[in-house]
N, C-alpha and C. Protein backbone atom coordinates (compact mmCIF):
# COMPACT_ATOMS: atom_id res chain seq x y z
N MET A 1 -18.48 18.58 30.87
CA MET A 1 -17.28 19.08 30.25
C MET A 1 -17.37 18.89 28.75
N THR A 2 -17.22 19.94 28.00
CA THR A 2 -17.33 19.85 26.53
C THR A 2 -15.94 19.85 25.92
N SER A 3 -15.86 19.28 24.80
CA SER A 3 -14.58 19.22 24.09
C SER A 3 -14.51 20.32 23.05
N ASP A 4 -13.40 21.02 23.03
CA ASP A 4 -13.20 22.12 22.08
C ASP A 4 -12.45 21.67 20.84
N LEU A 5 -12.38 20.37 20.63
CA LEU A 5 -11.65 19.84 19.48
C LEU A 5 -12.51 19.94 18.22
N THR A 6 -11.93 20.49 17.18
CA THR A 6 -12.62 20.52 15.89
C THR A 6 -11.94 19.52 14.99
N PRO A 7 -12.73 18.88 14.13
CA PRO A 7 -12.10 17.91 13.22
C PRO A 7 -11.19 18.58 12.22
N LEU A 8 -10.15 17.89 11.83
CA LEU A 8 -9.22 18.42 10.84
C LEU A 8 -9.89 18.46 9.48
N PRO A 9 -9.54 19.44 8.68
CA PRO A 9 -10.11 19.48 7.31
C PRO A 9 -9.58 18.30 6.48
N SER A 10 -10.35 17.96 5.48
CA SER A 10 -9.98 16.81 4.63
C SER A 10 -8.67 17.07 3.86
N PHE A 11 -8.33 18.33 3.67
CA PHE A 11 -7.12 18.69 2.93
C PHE A 11 -5.88 18.05 3.54
N TYR A 12 -5.78 18.01 4.86
CA TYR A 12 -4.60 17.45 5.50
C TYR A 12 -4.50 15.94 5.26
N PHE A 13 -5.62 15.27 5.36
CA PHE A 13 -5.62 13.83 5.09
C PHE A 13 -5.26 13.52 3.65
N LEU A 14 -5.77 14.34 2.73
CA LEU A 14 -5.47 14.13 1.32
C LEU A 14 -3.98 14.40 1.01
N MET A 15 -3.38 15.36 1.71
CA MET A 15 -1.96 15.65 1.52
C MET A 15 -1.09 14.49 2.04
N VAL A 16 -1.49 13.93 3.17
CA VAL A 16 -0.78 12.77 3.70
C VAL A 16 -0.90 11.57 2.75
N ALA A 17 -2.10 11.39 2.21
CA ALA A 17 -2.32 10.27 1.28
C ALA A 17 -1.52 10.50 0.00
N ALA A 18 -1.44 11.73 -0.48
CA ALA A 18 -0.65 12.02 -1.67
C ALA A 18 0.84 11.80 -1.41
N ALA A 19 1.29 12.15 -0.20
CA ALA A 19 2.69 11.91 0.15
C ALA A 19 2.97 10.41 0.22
N LEU A 20 2.08 9.64 0.84
CA LEU A 20 2.25 8.18 0.92
C LEU A 20 2.28 7.55 -0.47
N PHE A 21 1.36 8.00 -1.32
CA PHE A 21 1.32 7.46 -2.68
C PHE A 21 2.63 7.81 -3.44
N SER A 22 3.10 9.04 -3.30
CA SER A 22 4.32 9.45 -4.00
C SER A 22 5.53 8.66 -3.49
N ILE A 23 5.63 8.50 -2.17
CA ILE A 23 6.74 7.76 -1.63
C ILE A 23 6.69 6.31 -2.09
N GLY A 24 5.52 5.70 -2.08
CA GLY A 24 5.36 4.32 -2.55
C GLY A 24 5.71 4.17 -4.00
N LEU A 25 5.28 5.11 -4.84
CA LEU A 25 5.62 5.06 -6.24
C LEU A 25 7.11 5.26 -6.45
N GLY A 26 7.69 6.16 -5.70
CA GLY A 26 9.15 6.36 -5.79
C GLY A 26 9.93 5.11 -5.40
N VAL A 27 9.47 4.42 -4.38
CA VAL A 27 10.15 3.19 -3.93
C VAL A 27 10.00 2.13 -5.02
N ILE A 28 8.83 1.99 -5.63
CA ILE A 28 8.65 0.97 -6.66
C ILE A 28 9.53 1.25 -7.86
N VAL A 29 9.66 2.52 -8.25
CA VAL A 29 10.43 2.86 -9.44
C VAL A 29 11.93 2.79 -9.20
N THR A 30 12.41 3.14 -8.02
CA THR A 30 13.85 3.23 -7.81
C THR A 30 14.48 1.97 -7.26
N LYS A 31 13.78 1.22 -6.44
CA LYS A 31 14.40 0.06 -5.80
C LYS A 31 14.31 -1.18 -6.70
N ARG A 32 15.32 -1.99 -6.59
CA ARG A 32 15.35 -3.25 -7.34
C ARG A 32 15.16 -4.44 -6.47
N ASN A 33 15.10 -4.27 -5.16
CA ASN A 33 14.91 -5.36 -4.24
C ASN A 33 13.40 -5.71 -4.22
N ALA A 34 13.06 -6.98 -4.25
CA ALA A 34 11.67 -7.41 -4.31
C ALA A 34 10.90 -7.02 -3.04
N VAL A 35 11.54 -7.13 -1.90
CA VAL A 35 10.88 -6.79 -0.64
C VAL A 35 10.59 -5.29 -0.57
N ALA A 36 11.55 -4.46 -1.06
CA ALA A 36 11.32 -3.03 -1.09
C ALA A 36 10.17 -2.65 -2.03
N VAL A 37 10.05 -3.33 -3.14
CA VAL A 37 8.93 -3.08 -4.05
C VAL A 37 7.62 -3.45 -3.39
N LEU A 38 7.59 -4.52 -2.64
CA LEU A 38 6.36 -4.90 -1.93
C LEU A 38 5.99 -3.87 -0.88
N ILE A 39 6.98 -3.29 -0.20
CA ILE A 39 6.72 -2.22 0.77
C ILE A 39 6.15 -1.00 0.07
N GLY A 40 6.67 -0.69 -1.11
CA GLY A 40 6.11 0.41 -1.89
C GLY A 40 4.67 0.20 -2.28
N ILE A 41 4.34 -1.05 -2.65
CA ILE A 41 2.95 -1.37 -3.01
C ILE A 41 2.04 -1.21 -1.78
N GLU A 42 2.53 -1.63 -0.62
CA GLU A 42 1.75 -1.48 0.59
C GLU A 42 1.53 -0.02 0.95
N LEU A 43 2.53 0.82 0.72
CA LEU A 43 2.36 2.27 0.96
C LEU A 43 1.27 2.84 0.04
N ILE A 44 1.25 2.44 -1.20
CA ILE A 44 0.22 2.90 -2.11
C ILE A 44 -1.15 2.44 -1.70
N LEU A 45 -1.27 1.20 -1.25
CA LEU A 45 -2.55 0.70 -0.77
C LEU A 45 -3.02 1.44 0.47
N ASN A 46 -2.10 1.79 1.34
CA ASN A 46 -2.46 2.58 2.53
C ASN A 46 -2.92 3.99 2.14
N ALA A 47 -2.33 4.56 1.10
CA ALA A 47 -2.77 5.87 0.63
C ALA A 47 -4.17 5.77 0.07
N VAL A 48 -4.45 4.70 -0.64
CA VAL A 48 -5.83 4.50 -1.15
C VAL A 48 -6.83 4.38 0.00
N ASN A 49 -6.45 3.64 1.03
CA ASN A 49 -7.35 3.49 2.18
C ASN A 49 -7.61 4.83 2.85
N LEU A 50 -6.58 5.64 3.00
CA LEU A 50 -6.75 6.95 3.61
C LEU A 50 -7.67 7.83 2.78
N ASN A 51 -7.55 7.77 1.47
CA ASN A 51 -8.46 8.51 0.59
C ASN A 51 -9.91 8.02 0.72
N LEU A 52 -10.08 6.72 0.78
CA LEU A 52 -11.44 6.17 0.90
C LEU A 52 -12.09 6.62 2.20
N VAL A 53 -11.35 6.55 3.28
CA VAL A 53 -11.94 6.92 4.57
C VAL A 53 -12.17 8.43 4.65
N THR A 54 -11.26 9.22 4.05
CA THR A 54 -11.43 10.68 4.06
C THR A 54 -12.67 11.09 3.28
N PHE A 55 -12.86 10.53 2.11
CA PHE A 55 -14.02 10.92 1.31
C PHE A 55 -15.30 10.33 1.86
N SER A 56 -15.24 9.25 2.62
CA SER A 56 -16.46 8.70 3.18
C SER A 56 -16.93 9.48 4.39
N ARG A 57 -16.14 10.42 4.89
CA ARG A 57 -16.60 11.28 5.99
C ARG A 57 -17.78 12.14 5.56
N HIS A 58 -17.85 12.44 4.26
CA HIS A 58 -18.92 13.27 3.73
C HIS A 58 -20.10 12.49 3.16
N ASP A 59 -20.02 11.17 3.26
CA ASP A 59 -21.08 10.30 2.73
C ASP A 59 -21.78 9.64 3.91
N PRO A 60 -23.07 9.77 4.02
CA PRO A 60 -23.78 9.19 5.19
C PRO A 60 -23.72 7.64 5.22
N SER A 61 -23.61 7.03 4.05
CA SER A 61 -23.47 5.55 4.06
C SER A 61 -22.00 5.22 4.34
N LEU A 62 -21.76 4.00 4.73
CA LEU A 62 -20.40 3.57 5.11
C LEU A 62 -19.67 2.86 3.99
N ARG A 63 -19.88 3.28 2.76
CA ARG A 63 -19.25 2.57 1.65
C ARG A 63 -17.74 2.74 1.64
N GLY A 64 -17.26 3.91 1.98
CA GLY A 64 -15.82 4.16 1.98
C GLY A 64 -15.09 3.28 2.98
N GLN A 65 -15.67 3.17 4.19
CA GLN A 65 -15.04 2.32 5.17
C GLN A 65 -15.10 0.85 4.78
N LEU A 66 -16.17 0.44 4.12
CA LEU A 66 -16.28 -0.95 3.68
C LEU A 66 -15.26 -1.27 2.56
N PHE A 67 -15.11 -0.32 1.64
CA PHE A 67 -14.09 -0.49 0.61
C PHE A 67 -12.70 -0.51 1.21
N ALA A 68 -12.44 0.32 2.20
CA ALA A 68 -11.13 0.34 2.86
C ALA A 68 -10.87 -0.98 3.53
N LEU A 69 -11.87 -1.54 4.17
CA LEU A 69 -11.72 -2.86 4.81
C LEU A 69 -11.44 -3.92 3.76
N PHE A 70 -12.08 -3.85 2.63
CA PHE A 70 -11.85 -4.79 1.55
C PHE A 70 -10.41 -4.66 1.02
N VAL A 71 -9.93 -3.41 0.90
CA VAL A 71 -8.54 -3.18 0.43
C VAL A 71 -7.55 -3.73 1.44
N ILE A 72 -7.84 -3.63 2.73
CA ILE A 72 -6.96 -4.18 3.75
C ILE A 72 -6.87 -5.69 3.62
N VAL A 73 -8.01 -6.34 3.41
CA VAL A 73 -8.01 -7.81 3.23
C VAL A 73 -7.24 -8.20 1.97
N VAL A 74 -7.45 -7.47 0.87
CA VAL A 74 -6.75 -7.79 -0.36
C VAL A 74 -5.23 -7.56 -0.18
N ALA A 75 -4.87 -6.50 0.52
CA ALA A 75 -3.45 -6.19 0.75
C ALA A 75 -2.78 -7.27 1.61
N ALA A 76 -3.51 -7.79 2.57
CA ALA A 76 -2.94 -8.86 3.41
C ALA A 76 -2.73 -10.15 2.59
N ALA A 77 -3.71 -10.46 1.73
CA ALA A 77 -3.56 -11.64 0.86
C ALA A 77 -2.43 -11.43 -0.14
N GLU A 78 -2.33 -10.22 -0.68
CA GLU A 78 -1.27 -9.92 -1.65
C GLU A 78 0.10 -10.00 -1.00
N ALA A 79 0.22 -9.53 0.24
CA ALA A 79 1.51 -9.59 0.92
C ALA A 79 1.90 -11.05 1.20
N ALA A 80 0.96 -11.84 1.62
CA ALA A 80 1.28 -13.24 1.93
C ALA A 80 1.71 -14.00 0.68
N ILE A 81 0.98 -13.83 -0.40
CA ILE A 81 1.30 -14.53 -1.65
C ILE A 81 2.60 -14.01 -2.23
N ALA A 82 2.77 -12.70 -2.24
CA ALA A 82 4.00 -12.11 -2.81
C ALA A 82 5.22 -12.52 -2.03
N LEU A 83 5.14 -12.54 -0.70
CA LEU A 83 6.28 -12.97 0.09
C LEU A 83 6.63 -14.44 -0.14
N ALA A 84 5.60 -15.26 -0.33
CA ALA A 84 5.85 -16.65 -0.64
C ALA A 84 6.57 -16.78 -2.00
N ILE A 85 6.15 -15.99 -2.99
CA ILE A 85 6.81 -16.01 -4.27
C ILE A 85 8.24 -15.51 -4.18
N VAL A 86 8.45 -14.45 -3.39
CA VAL A 86 9.83 -13.94 -3.22
C VAL A 86 10.72 -14.95 -2.53
N LEU A 87 10.20 -15.66 -1.54
CA LEU A 87 11.00 -16.69 -0.87
C LEU A 87 11.38 -17.83 -1.83
N LYS A 88 10.44 -18.28 -2.63
CA LYS A 88 10.71 -19.34 -3.59
C LYS A 88 11.72 -18.87 -4.67
N THR A 89 11.54 -17.62 -5.09
CA THR A 89 12.49 -17.05 -6.08
C THR A 89 13.87 -16.93 -5.48
N TYR A 90 13.96 -16.54 -4.22
CA TYR A 90 15.25 -16.44 -3.56
C TYR A 90 15.90 -17.83 -3.42
N GLN A 91 15.10 -18.83 -3.10
CA GLN A 91 15.67 -20.17 -2.99
C GLN A 91 16.22 -20.67 -4.33
N TYR A 92 15.57 -20.29 -5.42
CA TYR A 92 16.01 -20.76 -6.74
C TYR A 92 17.16 -19.94 -7.29
N PHE A 93 17.07 -18.60 -7.24
CA PHE A 93 18.08 -17.75 -7.85
C PHE A 93 19.14 -17.24 -6.86
N ARG A 94 18.94 -17.40 -5.57
CA ARG A 94 19.84 -16.92 -4.55
C ARG A 94 20.03 -15.41 -4.57
N THR A 95 19.00 -14.69 -4.97
CA THR A 95 19.03 -13.24 -4.97
C THR A 95 17.59 -12.74 -4.91
N ALA A 96 17.46 -11.52 -4.33
CA ALA A 96 16.15 -10.86 -4.29
C ALA A 96 16.13 -9.67 -5.23
N ASP A 97 17.19 -9.49 -6.02
CA ASP A 97 17.30 -8.38 -6.96
C ASP A 97 16.43 -8.72 -8.19
N LEU A 98 15.52 -7.81 -8.49
CA LEU A 98 14.58 -8.08 -9.59
C LEU A 98 15.23 -8.07 -10.95
N ASP A 99 16.34 -7.33 -11.13
CA ASP A 99 17.04 -7.29 -12.41
C ASP A 99 17.77 -8.60 -12.71
N GLN A 100 18.18 -9.29 -11.66
CA GLN A 100 18.92 -10.56 -11.86
C GLN A 100 17.97 -11.75 -12.00
N VAL A 101 16.73 -11.60 -11.71
CA VAL A 101 15.75 -12.68 -11.82
C VAL A 101 15.08 -12.54 -13.19
N SER A 102 15.75 -12.99 -14.22
CA SER A 102 15.18 -12.87 -15.55
C SER A 102 15.14 -14.22 -16.27
N ASP A 103 15.68 -15.25 -15.66
CA ASP A 103 15.74 -16.55 -16.30
C ASP A 103 14.53 -17.37 -15.86
N LEU A 104 13.35 -17.03 -16.32
CA LEU A 104 12.14 -17.73 -15.93
C LEU A 104 11.81 -18.94 -16.78
N LYS A 105 12.52 -19.12 -17.90
CA LYS A 105 12.20 -20.24 -18.78
C LYS A 105 12.78 -21.57 -18.25
N ASN A 106 13.82 -21.52 -17.50
CA ASN A 106 14.49 -22.77 -17.05
C ASN A 106 13.70 -23.41 -15.96
């Protein structure tokens, strides 16, 4: 039994990655909540991963997948550290609003 499935063109993957990047950038610019900004950063990193994997389909070496794996590891470390900073900031200022957290000298 043969499969009649043809692979999707790279254009579709690049459009999804562009949409993810745009949504992530829009969240970062418009939201003032620290957790929402972190979610926007994660969306942008996922868009980068999708681009890396899409372009590595045309490269016989596996550099794109390796870079994507590296970005996933960095994103996990960034999320853990950033959430710890947000929790400490919330304990000190009693808010997660980035505009109200401006008193860093005290």
